[in-house]
């Protein structure tokens, strides 16, 4: 796994606010999902001939 792309404390605050606990591997798994989403958005932008990733690529 690469660098953590989410703010762990913010994620934990949201989970706690929903009345749940955060497992030790959740933040890493969430970060991996975010990285995958970014990579897909980049590929979509490139596929459409753009270098700028936009909201519509998400």
N, C-alpha and C. Protein backbone atom coordinates (compact mmCIF):
# COMPACT_ATOMS: atom_id res chain seq x y z
N UNK A 1 0.84 -1.18 0.00
CA UNK A 1 0.00 0.00 0.00
C UNK A 1 0.88 1.24 0.00
N UNK A 2 0.41 2.28 -0.66
CA UNK A 2 1.15 3.52 -0.74
C UNK A 2 0.89 4.42 0.45
N UNK A 3 1.06 5.67 0.22
CA UNK A 3 0.88 6.71 1.23
C UNK A 3 -0.60 6.82 1.62
N UNK A 4 -0.88 7.14 2.89
CA UNK A 4 -2.25 7.33 3.35
C UNK A 4 -2.78 8.65 2.79
N UNK A 5 -3.92 8.59 2.11
CA UNK A 5 -4.47 9.75 1.41
C UNK A 5 -5.65 10.39 2.14
N UNK A 6 -6.04 9.82 3.26
CA UNK A 6 -7.16 10.37 4.02
C UNK A 6 -6.68 10.82 5.39
N UNK A 7 -7.39 11.73 6.00
CA UNK A 7 -7.04 12.20 7.33
C UNK A 7 -7.69 11.25 8.35
N UNK A 8 -6.85 10.43 8.98
CA UNK A 8 -7.35 9.39 9.87
C UNK A 8 -8.23 9.95 10.97
N UNK A 9 -7.83 11.06 11.57
CA UNK A 9 -8.62 11.61 12.68
C UNK A 9 -10.01 12.04 12.21
N UNK A 10 -10.11 12.57 11.01
CA UNK A 10 -11.41 12.99 10.47
C UNK A 10 -12.29 11.78 10.17
N UNK A 11 -11.69 10.74 9.62
CA UNK A 11 -12.43 9.51 9.34
C UNK A 11 -12.95 8.92 10.65
N UNK A 12 -12.09 8.85 11.65
CA UNK A 12 -12.48 8.30 12.95
C UNK A 12 -13.57 9.14 13.60
N UNK A 13 -13.52 10.46 13.45
CA UNK A 13 -14.56 11.33 14.00
C UNK A 13 -15.92 11.03 13.37
N UNK A 14 -15.93 10.83 12.06
CA UNK A 14 -17.19 10.53 11.37
C UNK A 14 -17.74 9.18 11.82
N UNK A 15 -16.87 8.19 11.89
CA UNK A 15 -17.30 6.86 12.30
C UNK A 15 -17.82 6.90 13.74
N UNK A 16 -17.09 7.58 14.61
CA UNK A 16 -17.50 7.70 16.02
C UNK A 16 -18.83 8.45 16.13
N UNK A 17 -18.99 9.49 15.32
CA UNK A 17 -20.23 10.25 15.32
C UNK A 17 -21.43 9.42 14.90
N UNK A 18 -21.17 8.37 14.14
CA UNK A 18 -22.24 7.46 13.71
C UNK A 18 -22.47 6.37 14.75
N UNK A 19 -21.71 6.43 15.87
CA UNK A 19 -21.91 5.46 16.94
C UNK A 19 -21.14 4.17 16.78
N UNK A 20 -20.10 4.18 15.96
CA UNK A 20 -19.31 2.97 15.72
C UNK A 20 -17.85 3.21 16.07
N UNK A 21 -17.09 2.14 16.08
CA UNK A 21 -15.65 2.20 16.30
C UNK A 21 -14.93 1.95 14.99
N UNK A 22 -13.70 2.46 14.90
CA UNK A 22 -12.89 2.29 13.69
C UNK A 22 -11.89 1.17 13.90
N UNK A 23 -11.94 0.16 13.06
CA UNK A 23 -10.97 -0.94 13.12
C UNK A 23 -9.60 -0.46 12.68
N UNK A 24 -8.58 -1.13 13.15
CA UNK A 24 -7.21 -0.73 12.87
C UNK A 24 -6.83 -0.72 11.40
N UNK A 25 -7.52 -1.50 10.58
CA UNK A 25 -7.17 -1.58 9.16
C UNK A 25 -8.11 -0.77 8.27
N UNK A 26 -9.09 -0.10 8.88
CA UNK A 26 -10.09 0.61 8.07
C UNK A 26 -9.51 1.80 7.31
N UNK A 27 -8.73 2.62 7.98
CA UNK A 27 -8.19 3.83 7.34
C UNK A 27 -7.32 3.45 6.14
N UNK A 28 -6.49 2.43 6.29
CA UNK A 28 -5.65 1.98 5.19
C UNK A 28 -6.46 1.47 4.01
N UNK A 29 -7.52 0.71 4.31
CA UNK A 29 -8.38 0.19 3.24
C UNK A 29 -9.12 1.32 2.55
N UNK A 30 -9.58 2.29 3.32
CA UNK A 30 -10.26 3.45 2.75
C UNK A 30 -9.32 4.25 1.85
N UNK A 31 -8.09 4.43 2.31
CA UNK A 31 -7.09 5.14 1.53
C UNK A 31 -6.81 4.42 0.21
N UNK A 32 -6.74 3.10 0.26
CA UNK A 32 -6.52 2.32 -0.96
C UNK A 32 -7.68 2.51 -1.93
N UNK A 33 -8.90 2.58 -1.41
CA UNK A 33 -10.07 2.82 -2.26
C UNK A 33 -10.01 4.20 -2.90
N UNK A 34 -9.59 5.19 -2.13
CA UNK A 34 -9.45 6.55 -2.65
C UNK A 34 -8.40 6.58 -3.76
N UNK A 35 -7.28 5.92 -3.53
CA UNK A 35 -6.22 5.88 -4.55
C UNK A 35 -6.74 5.24 -5.84
N UNK A 36 -7.51 4.18 -5.71
CA UNK A 36 -8.09 3.52 -6.88
C UNK A 36 -9.05 4.45 -7.62
N UNK A 37 -9.85 5.19 -6.86
CA UNK A 37 -10.78 6.15 -7.48
C UNK A 37 -10.02 7.24 -8.23
N UNK A 38 -8.94 7.71 -7.64
CA UNK A 38 -8.13 8.74 -8.30
C UNK A 38 -7.53 8.21 -9.59
N UNK A 39 -6.99 7.01 -9.53
CA UNK A 39 -6.39 6.41 -10.73
C UNK A 39 -7.41 6.24 -11.85
N UNK A 40 -8.63 5.81 -11.50
CA UNK A 40 -9.69 5.67 -12.52
C UNK A 40 -10.06 7.03 -13.10
N UNK A 41 -10.13 8.06 -12.25
CA UNK A 41 -10.47 9.40 -12.73
C UNK A 41 -9.40 9.94 -13.66
N UNK A 42 -8.14 9.71 -13.33
CA UNK A 42 -7.03 10.14 -14.18
C UNK A 42 -7.13 9.46 -15.55
N UNK A 43 -7.38 8.17 -15.55
CA UNK A 43 -7.48 7.45 -16.82
C UNK A 43 -8.66 7.93 -17.64
N UNK A 44 -9.77 8.27 -16.99
CA UNK A 44 -10.93 8.78 -17.72
C UNK A 44 -10.60 10.13 -18.34
N UNK A 45 -9.94 10.99 -17.58
CA UNK A 45 -9.56 12.31 -18.12
C UNK A 45 -8.64 12.15 -19.32
N UNK A 46 -7.62 11.29 -19.18
CA UNK A 46 -6.70 11.05 -20.30
C UNK A 46 -7.43 10.47 -21.49
N UNK A 47 -8.37 9.57 -21.23
CA UNK A 47 -9.15 8.96 -22.31
C UNK A 47 -9.99 9.97 -23.07
N UNK A 48 -10.32 11.06 -22.39
CA UNK A 48 -11.09 12.13 -23.02
C UNK A 48 -10.20 13.26 -23.51
N UNK A 49 -8.89 13.00 -23.59
CA UNK A 49 -7.96 13.97 -24.14
C UNK A 49 -7.68 15.15 -23.24
N UNK A 50 -7.88 14.99 -21.93
CA UNK A 50 -7.64 16.09 -21.01
C UNK A 50 -6.52 15.74 -20.04
N UNK A 51 -5.82 16.76 -19.56
CA UNK A 51 -4.83 16.59 -18.50
C UNK A 51 -5.39 17.02 -17.16
N UNK A 52 -6.55 17.65 -17.18
CA UNK A 52 -7.19 18.13 -15.95
C UNK A 52 -8.25 17.13 -15.51
N UNK A 53 -8.11 16.62 -14.31
CA UNK A 53 -9.10 15.72 -13.74
C UNK A 53 -10.20 16.57 -13.15
N UNK A 54 -11.44 16.27 -13.54
CA UNK A 54 -12.58 17.06 -13.11
C UNK A 54 -13.57 16.21 -12.32
N UNK A 55 -14.51 16.88 -11.67
CA UNK A 55 -15.50 16.18 -10.85
C UNK A 55 -16.23 15.10 -11.67
N UNK A 56 -16.47 15.36 -12.93
CA UNK A 56 -17.18 14.39 -13.75
C UNK A 56 -16.38 13.12 -13.98
N UNK A 57 -15.09 13.13 -13.66
CA UNK A 57 -14.26 11.94 -13.82
C UNK A 57 -14.34 11.01 -12.61
N UNK A 58 -14.91 11.51 -11.52
CA UNK A 58 -14.99 10.72 -10.28
C UNK A 58 -15.97 9.58 -10.41
